[in-house]
N, C-alpha and C. Protein backbone atom coordinates (compact mmCIF):
# COMPACT_ATOMS: atom_id res chain seq x y z
N MET A 1 110.39 82.24 85.26
CA MET A 1 109.44 83.32 85.08
C MET A 1 110.07 84.62 85.59
N ARG A 2 109.97 85.68 84.81
CA ARG A 2 110.48 86.99 85.21
C ARG A 2 109.29 87.85 85.58
N VAL A 3 109.24 88.27 86.84
CA VAL A 3 108.14 89.10 87.30
C VAL A 3 108.69 90.47 87.63
N THR A 4 108.08 91.51 87.11
CA THR A 4 108.48 92.88 87.39
C THR A 4 107.54 93.45 88.43
N HIS A 5 108.10 94.19 89.38
CA HIS A 5 107.30 94.81 90.43
C HIS A 5 106.25 95.73 89.80
N THR A 6 105.01 95.63 90.25
CA THR A 6 103.93 96.41 89.64
C THR A 6 103.39 97.46 90.60
N ASP A 7 104.25 98.12 91.31
CA ASP A 7 103.87 99.17 92.25
C ASP A 7 103.24 100.33 91.50
N THR A 8 102.24 100.96 92.11
CA THR A 8 101.58 102.09 91.48
C THR A 8 102.19 103.42 91.87
N SER A 9 103.23 103.43 92.69
CA SER A 9 103.86 104.68 93.08
C SER A 9 104.62 105.27 91.88
N SER A 10 104.96 106.55 92.00
CA SER A 10 105.64 107.23 90.90
C SER A 10 107.05 106.68 90.73
N ALA A 11 107.62 106.96 89.57
CA ALA A 11 109.00 106.53 89.30
C ALA A 11 109.95 107.14 90.32
N GLU A 12 109.71 108.42 90.70
CA GLU A 12 110.56 109.06 91.71
C GLU A 12 110.47 108.33 93.04
N GLN A 13 109.26 107.93 93.43
CA GLN A 13 109.09 107.20 94.69
C GLN A 13 109.77 105.84 94.63
N GLN A 14 109.61 105.14 93.51
CA GLN A 14 110.25 103.84 93.37
C GLN A 14 111.77 103.97 93.38
N PHE A 15 112.28 104.96 92.66
CA PHE A 15 113.72 105.17 92.62
C PHE A 15 114.23 105.58 94.00
N GLY A 16 113.49 106.45 94.68
CA GLY A 16 113.88 106.86 96.03
C GLY A 16 113.96 105.69 96.98
N THR A 17 113.01 104.78 96.87
CA THR A 17 113.02 103.57 97.69
C THR A 17 114.26 102.73 97.37
N GLN A 18 114.57 102.60 96.09
CA GLN A 18 115.77 101.84 95.70
C GLN A 18 117.03 102.50 96.25
N VAL A 19 117.09 103.82 96.20
CA VAL A 19 118.25 104.54 96.73
C VAL A 19 118.41 104.25 98.21
N ARG A 20 117.31 104.38 98.97
CA ARG A 20 117.37 104.13 100.42
C ARG A 20 117.83 102.71 100.71
N GLU A 21 117.23 101.73 100.02
CA GLU A 21 117.59 100.33 100.27
C GLU A 21 119.05 100.06 99.92
N ALA A 22 119.51 100.57 98.79
CA ALA A 22 120.90 100.35 98.38
C ALA A 22 121.87 101.03 99.34
N ARG A 23 121.49 102.22 99.82
CA ARG A 23 122.33 102.94 100.79
C ARG A 23 122.41 102.16 102.09
N GLU A 24 121.27 101.67 102.57
CA GLU A 24 121.24 100.93 103.83
C GLU A 24 122.00 99.61 103.74
N VAL A 25 121.92 98.94 102.59
CA VAL A 25 122.65 97.68 102.40
C VAL A 25 124.15 97.93 102.57
N ARG A 26 124.61 99.09 102.13
CA ARG A 26 126.03 99.43 102.25
C ARG A 26 126.38 99.95 103.64
N GLY A 27 125.37 100.17 104.47
CA GLY A 27 125.63 100.69 105.81
C GLY A 27 125.99 102.16 105.82
N TRP A 28 125.59 102.89 104.77
CA TRP A 28 125.90 104.31 104.66
C TRP A 28 124.78 105.15 105.24
N SER A 29 125.16 106.23 105.88
CA SER A 29 124.18 107.24 106.27
C SER A 29 123.87 108.08 105.04
N GLN A 30 122.88 108.93 105.15
CA GLN A 30 122.58 109.84 104.04
C GLN A 30 123.75 110.79 103.82
N GLU A 31 124.41 111.20 104.89
CA GLU A 31 125.59 112.07 104.76
C GLU A 31 126.73 111.34 104.05
N ALA A 32 126.91 110.05 104.36
CA ALA A 32 127.96 109.27 103.69
C ALA A 32 127.65 109.16 102.20
N LEU A 33 126.39 108.94 101.85
CA LEU A 33 126.01 108.89 100.44
C LEU A 33 126.32 110.22 99.77
N ALA A 34 126.02 111.32 100.45
CA ALA A 34 126.32 112.64 99.89
C ALA A 34 127.82 112.78 99.61
N ARG A 35 128.66 112.30 100.52
CA ARG A 35 130.13 112.35 100.31
C ARG A 35 130.53 111.50 99.10
N HIS A 36 129.97 110.30 98.99
CA HIS A 36 130.29 109.43 97.85
C HIS A 36 129.87 110.08 96.53
N LEU A 37 128.71 110.70 96.51
CA LEU A 37 128.24 111.38 95.30
C LEU A 37 129.17 112.53 94.93
N ARG A 38 129.58 113.28 95.93
CA ARG A 38 130.47 114.42 95.69
C ARG A 38 131.83 113.93 95.18
N ASP A 39 132.38 112.90 95.83
CA ASP A 39 133.71 112.40 95.46
C ASP A 39 133.71 111.68 94.11
N ALA A 40 132.69 110.88 93.85
CA ALA A 40 132.68 110.04 92.65
C ALA A 40 132.14 110.75 91.41
N ALA A 41 131.20 111.68 91.63
CA ALA A 41 130.52 112.25 90.46
C ALA A 41 130.43 113.77 90.49
N GLY A 42 130.95 114.40 91.53
CA GLY A 42 130.86 115.85 91.61
C GLY A 42 129.45 116.36 91.83
N ILE A 43 128.56 115.49 92.31
CA ILE A 43 127.17 115.87 92.59
C ILE A 43 127.09 116.29 94.05
N ASP A 44 126.62 117.52 94.27
CA ASP A 44 126.56 118.05 95.63
C ASP A 44 125.11 118.06 96.12
N LEU A 45 124.73 116.99 96.83
CA LEU A 45 123.39 116.89 97.42
C LEU A 45 123.52 116.91 98.94
N HIS A 46 122.77 117.75 99.57
CA HIS A 46 122.77 117.79 101.04
C HIS A 46 121.99 116.60 101.58
N GLN A 47 122.24 116.23 102.81
CA GLN A 47 121.56 115.10 103.45
C GLN A 47 120.05 115.27 103.41
N THR A 48 119.56 116.48 103.61
CA THR A 48 118.10 116.69 103.58
C THR A 48 117.53 116.47 102.19
N ALA A 49 118.29 116.82 101.15
CA ALA A 49 117.84 116.57 99.77
C ALA A 49 117.78 115.07 99.51
N ILE A 50 118.75 114.32 100.04
CA ILE A 50 118.74 112.87 99.88
C ILE A 50 117.54 112.27 100.61
N ALA A 51 117.25 112.78 101.81
CA ALA A 51 116.09 112.29 102.57
C ALA A 51 114.80 112.52 101.77
N ARG A 52 114.65 113.71 101.20
CA ARG A 52 113.45 114.01 100.42
C ARG A 52 113.39 113.16 99.15
N LEU A 53 114.53 112.95 98.53
CA LEU A 53 114.61 112.11 97.34
C LEU A 53 114.18 110.68 97.68
N GLU A 54 114.67 110.16 98.81
CA GLU A 54 114.33 108.78 99.22
C GLU A 54 112.85 108.63 99.50
N ARG A 55 112.20 109.69 99.96
CA ARG A 55 110.76 109.63 100.24
C ARG A 55 109.92 109.92 99.00
N GLY A 56 110.58 110.23 97.88
CA GLY A 56 109.85 110.55 96.66
C GLY A 56 109.25 111.92 96.68
N GLU A 57 109.77 112.81 97.54
CA GLU A 57 109.24 114.16 97.69
C GLU A 57 110.05 115.20 96.91
N ARG A 58 111.08 114.77 96.22
CA ARG A 58 111.96 115.70 95.50
C ARG A 58 112.11 115.23 94.06
N THR A 59 111.97 116.15 93.14
CA THR A 59 112.21 115.84 91.75
C THR A 59 113.68 115.52 91.58
N ILE A 60 113.97 114.50 90.79
CA ILE A 60 115.34 114.05 90.61
C ILE A 60 115.84 114.48 89.24
N ARG A 61 116.98 115.14 89.22
CA ARG A 61 117.59 115.54 87.94
C ARG A 61 118.24 114.31 87.30
N PHE A 62 118.32 114.34 85.98
CA PHE A 62 118.87 113.19 85.26
C PHE A 62 120.31 112.90 85.69
N ASN A 63 121.14 113.93 85.84
CA ASN A 63 122.53 113.69 86.25
C ASN A 63 122.60 113.08 87.65
N GLU A 64 121.64 113.38 88.50
CA GLU A 64 121.59 112.78 89.83
C GLU A 64 121.20 111.31 89.74
N VAL A 65 120.25 111.00 88.87
CA VAL A 65 119.84 109.60 88.67
C VAL A 65 121.03 108.78 88.20
N VAL A 66 121.75 109.31 87.21
CA VAL A 66 122.90 108.60 86.67
C VAL A 66 123.97 108.39 87.75
N ALA A 67 124.28 109.45 88.50
CA ALA A 67 125.31 109.35 89.55
C ALA A 67 124.88 108.38 90.65
N LEU A 68 123.64 108.47 91.10
CA LEU A 68 123.15 107.57 92.14
C LEU A 68 123.18 106.13 91.67
N SER A 69 122.78 105.89 90.43
CA SER A 69 122.78 104.52 89.92
C SER A 69 124.19 103.96 89.86
N LYS A 70 125.17 104.79 89.50
CA LYS A 70 126.56 104.32 89.45
C LYS A 70 127.12 104.09 90.84
N VAL A 71 126.92 105.04 91.74
CA VAL A 71 127.48 104.93 93.10
C VAL A 71 126.85 103.78 93.88
N LEU A 72 125.56 103.56 93.67
CA LEU A 72 124.84 102.55 94.44
C LEU A 72 124.59 101.25 93.68
N GLY A 73 124.94 101.20 92.40
CA GLY A 73 124.73 99.98 91.62
C GLY A 73 123.26 99.70 91.35
N ILE A 74 122.49 100.74 91.12
CA ILE A 74 121.05 100.59 90.87
C ILE A 74 120.84 100.36 89.37
N GLU A 75 120.08 99.34 89.04
CA GLU A 75 119.76 99.01 87.64
C GLU A 75 118.60 99.88 87.20
N LEU A 76 118.79 100.64 86.14
CA LEU A 76 117.76 101.56 85.66
C LEU A 76 116.83 100.96 84.61
N SER A 77 117.17 99.80 84.08
CA SER A 77 116.36 99.23 83.01
C SER A 77 114.93 98.94 83.44
N VAL A 78 114.70 98.72 84.72
CA VAL A 78 113.34 98.43 85.19
C VAL A 78 112.40 99.60 84.93
N TYR A 79 112.95 100.82 84.83
CA TYR A 79 112.10 101.99 84.61
C TYR A 79 111.72 102.17 83.15
N SER A 80 112.42 101.47 82.26
CA SER A 80 112.10 101.62 80.84
C SER A 80 111.35 100.42 80.28
N SER A 81 111.22 99.37 81.07
CA SER A 81 110.53 98.19 80.55
C SER A 81 109.04 98.26 80.87
N GLU A 82 108.27 97.60 80.03
CA GLU A 82 106.83 97.57 80.24
C GLU A 82 106.49 96.56 81.33
N ILE A 83 105.41 96.81 82.03
CA ILE A 83 104.94 95.88 83.04
C ILE A 83 104.33 94.68 82.31
N PRO A 84 104.78 93.47 82.64
CA PRO A 84 104.28 92.31 81.90
C PRO A 84 102.80 92.05 82.18
N GLN A 85 102.15 91.54 81.16
CA GLN A 85 100.76 91.14 81.30
C GLN A 85 100.76 89.65 81.62
N LEU A 86 100.35 89.29 82.83
CA LEU A 86 100.38 87.90 83.26
C LEU A 86 99.10 87.18 82.86
N THR A 87 99.27 85.95 82.47
CA THR A 87 98.12 85.09 82.24
C THR A 87 97.66 84.59 83.61
N PRO A 88 96.47 84.03 83.72
CA PRO A 88 96.04 83.49 85.02
C PRO A 88 97.01 82.44 85.57
N ASP A 89 97.57 81.59 84.70
CA ASP A 89 98.52 80.58 85.18
C ASP A 89 99.82 81.24 85.68
N GLU A 90 100.31 82.25 84.94
CA GLU A 90 101.52 82.97 85.37
C GLU A 90 101.28 83.70 86.68
N TYR A 91 100.09 84.27 86.83
CA TYR A 91 99.73 84.95 88.07
C TYR A 91 99.77 83.98 89.24
N ALA A 92 99.18 82.81 89.08
CA ALA A 92 99.17 81.80 90.15
C ALA A 92 100.59 81.37 90.49
N GLU A 93 101.43 81.18 89.45
CA GLU A 93 102.82 80.79 89.68
C GLU A 93 103.58 81.91 90.40
N ALA A 94 103.35 83.15 89.98
CA ALA A 94 104.02 84.28 90.63
C ALA A 94 103.62 84.39 92.10
N GLN A 95 102.35 84.17 92.39
CA GLN A 95 101.87 84.22 93.77
C GLN A 95 102.53 83.13 94.62
N GLN A 96 102.82 81.98 94.01
CA GLN A 96 103.49 80.90 94.74
C GLN A 96 104.98 81.20 94.95
N ILE A 97 105.61 81.82 93.96
CA ILE A 97 107.05 82.09 94.02
C ILE A 97 107.37 83.26 94.94
N LEU A 98 106.53 84.26 94.98
CA LEU A 98 106.82 85.50 95.69
C LEU A 98 107.18 85.31 97.17
N PRO A 99 106.41 84.54 97.96
CA PRO A 99 106.80 84.40 99.37
C PRO A 99 108.21 83.82 99.55
N GLY A 100 108.57 82.86 98.72
CA GLY A 100 109.91 82.29 98.81
C GLY A 100 110.99 83.31 98.49
N LEU A 101 110.72 84.16 97.49
CA LEU A 101 111.67 85.21 97.14
C LEU A 101 111.82 86.22 98.27
N LEU A 102 110.69 86.56 98.87
CA LEU A 102 110.74 87.50 100.00
C LEU A 102 111.56 86.91 101.15
N ASN A 103 111.36 85.62 101.44
CA ASN A 103 112.13 84.96 102.51
C ASN A 103 113.62 84.92 102.17
N ARG A 104 113.93 84.60 100.90
CA ARG A 104 115.34 84.57 100.48
C ARG A 104 115.98 85.95 100.57
N GLU A 105 115.20 86.98 100.21
CA GLU A 105 115.72 88.35 100.30
C GLU A 105 116.03 88.71 101.75
N TRP A 106 115.12 88.38 102.67
CA TRP A 106 115.35 88.72 104.08
C TRP A 106 116.51 87.91 104.65
N ASP A 107 116.64 86.64 104.23
CA ASP A 107 117.80 85.85 104.66
C ASP A 107 119.09 86.48 104.17
N ALA A 108 119.11 86.91 102.92
CA ALA A 108 120.31 87.54 102.36
C ALA A 108 120.61 88.85 103.06
N ARG A 109 119.57 89.62 103.36
CA ARG A 109 119.79 90.88 104.11
C ARG A 109 120.36 90.59 105.50
N GLY A 110 119.86 89.55 106.15
CA GLY A 110 120.38 89.18 107.46
C GLY A 110 121.84 88.75 107.38
N ALA A 111 122.18 87.96 106.37
CA ALA A 111 123.57 87.53 106.18
C ALA A 111 124.46 88.73 105.92
N LEU A 112 123.97 89.67 105.13
CA LEU A 112 124.74 90.88 104.84
C LEU A 112 124.96 91.69 106.12
N ALA A 113 123.93 91.82 106.92
CA ALA A 113 124.07 92.56 108.18
C ALA A 113 125.06 91.86 109.11
N ASP A 114 125.02 90.52 109.15
CA ASP A 114 125.99 89.78 109.97
C ASP A 114 127.41 90.02 109.51
N LEU A 115 127.62 90.00 108.19
CA LEU A 115 128.96 90.24 107.65
C LEU A 115 129.43 91.65 107.95
N ARG A 116 128.52 92.63 107.81
CA ARG A 116 128.88 94.01 108.10
C ARG A 116 129.32 94.14 109.56
N GLU A 117 128.56 93.51 110.46
CA GLU A 117 128.89 93.58 111.88
C GLU A 117 130.22 92.89 112.17
N LYS A 118 130.42 91.72 111.57
CA LYS A 118 131.67 90.97 111.79
C LYS A 118 132.87 91.78 111.33
N TYR A 119 132.80 92.29 110.11
CA TYR A 119 133.95 93.00 109.58
C TYR A 119 134.11 94.37 110.22
N GLN A 120 133.03 94.95 110.69
CA GLN A 120 133.14 96.23 111.38
C GLN A 120 133.92 96.02 112.68
N ALA A 121 133.63 94.93 113.38
CA ALA A 121 134.35 94.63 114.62
C ALA A 121 135.84 94.39 114.33
N GLU A 122 136.13 93.65 113.27
CA GLU A 122 137.52 93.41 112.89
C GLU A 122 138.21 94.71 112.47
N PHE A 123 137.49 95.57 111.77
CA PHE A 123 138.04 96.85 111.35
C PHE A 123 138.38 97.70 112.57
N LEU A 124 137.47 97.75 113.55
CA LEU A 124 137.73 98.53 114.76
C LEU A 124 138.93 97.98 115.52
N GLU A 125 139.06 96.66 115.56
CA GLU A 125 140.21 96.04 116.23
C GLU A 125 141.51 96.41 115.52
N ALA A 126 141.50 96.37 114.20
CA ALA A 126 142.69 96.75 113.43
C ALA A 126 143.02 98.22 113.63
N GLU A 127 142.00 99.06 113.70
CA GLU A 127 142.22 100.49 113.97
C GLU A 127 142.90 100.69 115.32
N LYS A 128 142.48 99.94 116.33
CA LYS A 128 143.10 100.03 117.66
C LYS A 128 144.57 99.64 117.61
N LYS A 129 144.88 98.58 116.85
CA LYS A 129 146.27 98.14 116.72
C LYS A 129 147.11 99.22 116.06
N VAL A 130 146.60 99.80 114.98
CA VAL A 130 147.32 100.86 114.29
C VAL A 130 147.56 102.03 115.23
N SER A 131 146.56 102.40 115.99
CA SER A 131 146.67 103.51 116.93
C SER A 131 147.73 103.22 118.00
N ALA A 132 147.72 102.00 118.53
CA ALA A 132 148.70 101.64 119.55
C ALA A 132 150.12 101.67 118.98
N ILE A 133 150.29 101.17 117.77
CA ILE A 133 151.61 101.18 117.14
C ILE A 133 152.05 102.62 116.87
N ARG A 134 151.14 103.45 116.39
CA ARG A 134 151.46 104.86 116.14
C ARG A 134 151.88 105.55 117.43
N ASP A 135 151.14 105.31 118.51
CA ASP A 135 151.49 105.91 119.80
C ASP A 135 152.87 105.45 120.26
N GLN A 136 153.16 104.17 120.10
CA GLN A 136 154.47 103.63 120.47
C GLN A 136 155.57 104.29 119.64
N ARG A 137 155.33 104.43 118.33
CA ARG A 137 156.30 105.06 117.44
C ARG A 137 156.56 106.50 117.87
N LYS A 138 155.49 107.25 118.17
CA LYS A 138 155.64 108.65 118.57
C LYS A 138 156.43 108.77 119.88
N ARG A 139 156.16 107.89 120.84
CA ARG A 139 156.92 107.91 122.10
C ARG A 139 158.40 107.64 121.85
N LEU A 140 158.67 106.65 120.97
CA LEU A 140 160.05 106.31 120.66
C LEU A 140 160.75 107.46 119.93
N GLU A 141 160.08 108.09 118.99
CA GLU A 141 160.65 109.23 118.28
C GLU A 141 160.95 110.37 119.25
N ALA A 142 160.04 110.63 120.18
CA ALA A 142 160.25 111.69 121.17
C ALA A 142 161.45 111.36 122.05
N ALA A 143 161.57 110.10 122.44
CA ALA A 143 162.70 109.69 123.28
C ALA A 143 164.01 109.84 122.51
N ILE A 144 164.02 109.49 121.24
CA ILE A 144 165.22 109.63 120.41
C ILE A 144 165.60 111.10 120.27
N ARG A 145 164.61 111.98 120.00
CA ARG A 145 164.90 113.42 119.90
C ARG A 145 165.46 113.95 121.19
N GLU A 146 164.86 113.57 122.28
CA GLU A 146 165.32 114.05 123.60
C GLU A 146 166.74 113.58 123.84
N TYR A 147 167.05 112.36 123.51
CA TYR A 147 168.40 111.81 123.70
C TYR A 147 169.40 112.59 122.83
N GLU A 148 169.03 112.80 121.56
CA GLU A 148 169.92 113.51 120.64
C GLU A 148 170.17 114.95 121.10
N GLU A 149 169.13 115.60 121.64
CA GLU A 149 169.29 116.97 122.15
C GLU A 149 170.25 116.99 123.34
N ARG A 150 170.14 116.00 124.21
CA ARG A 150 171.05 115.93 125.38
C ARG A 150 172.47 115.68 124.94
N GLN A 151 172.66 114.84 123.93
CA GLN A 151 173.99 114.51 123.45
C GLN A 151 174.62 115.67 122.70
N GLY A 152 173.81 116.42 121.98
CA GLY A 152 174.32 117.52 121.18
C GLY A 152 174.50 118.78 122.01
N GLY A 153 173.89 118.91 123.14
CA GLY A 153 173.91 120.16 123.87
C GLY A 153 174.75 120.21 125.05
């Protein structure tokens, strides 16, 4: 059974919610999203504009919708499809399926957060190693220059 969300909020509010959720899943701040939009699509949105967009308080231009959907992987077809008319049996089935889907979604979000934390720690550790190697290289280069200056002078 395919059930489409039947929220009564505006398309802008629904899209803004999707933007926020997709941004958070990636661990991006609103400023990071603004950088990605600028780099990937040449769209220049300030962090405050993104905040208003996410709350459904800002009208969204078509080029912004397209860029956000590409950068964040948001599926736009849900906005063009009709809301299905459920029969009483389909309604009962949907009511039974929904709690399980919500639990699976939260489990997946938790797993994603765990992975982000794990790899962030590994990334920071690798950054420290690179920094230590760079510092060692710079000290060695300085020692070599100093030696060469003493030998040449």
